[in-house]
Amino acid sequence: MLDLAKEFSLSGFLEETEEDGSVTYVMDFPDDTYITVTDDNGRAPVRAKQNLVLACYDGEGRYLWGSEFKTFMELQMLCRQNPAGSPELLQALKDASKTLKNGEWASPSHP
């Protein structure tokens, strides 16, 4: 069985433990943005073959865009093709799916 925590680390993600004890996988990028990776329920993924949800935030913690992967292996493939934390990886992650991209949704705080 795949050690997902180890594989996230090898792909360039940091494991952060929140105040409530939950774990989040995070990667920082040079333009003061970062992404988080969770499962469909907002928790740390525990299986390689489960849907992953990526969310990108700016340095102030404001949501910018999201993307989805059907398995960890899909995410891992992009991470192997681009250096961790690079603008190229950030763009590849953003382009990976058509889920909640900036400009495709509206809310009171983001018209």
Foldseek 3Di string as FASTA:
>chain_A
DDPVVVLLVVLAWDWDQDPVRFIWTKAAAPQQKMKIKPFPVRGRDDAQQGKIKIWMAHNVRHTAFIAIDRGNVVLSVLSVVDPGRYPSSVVCRQPVHDGGHQPPDADPVRD
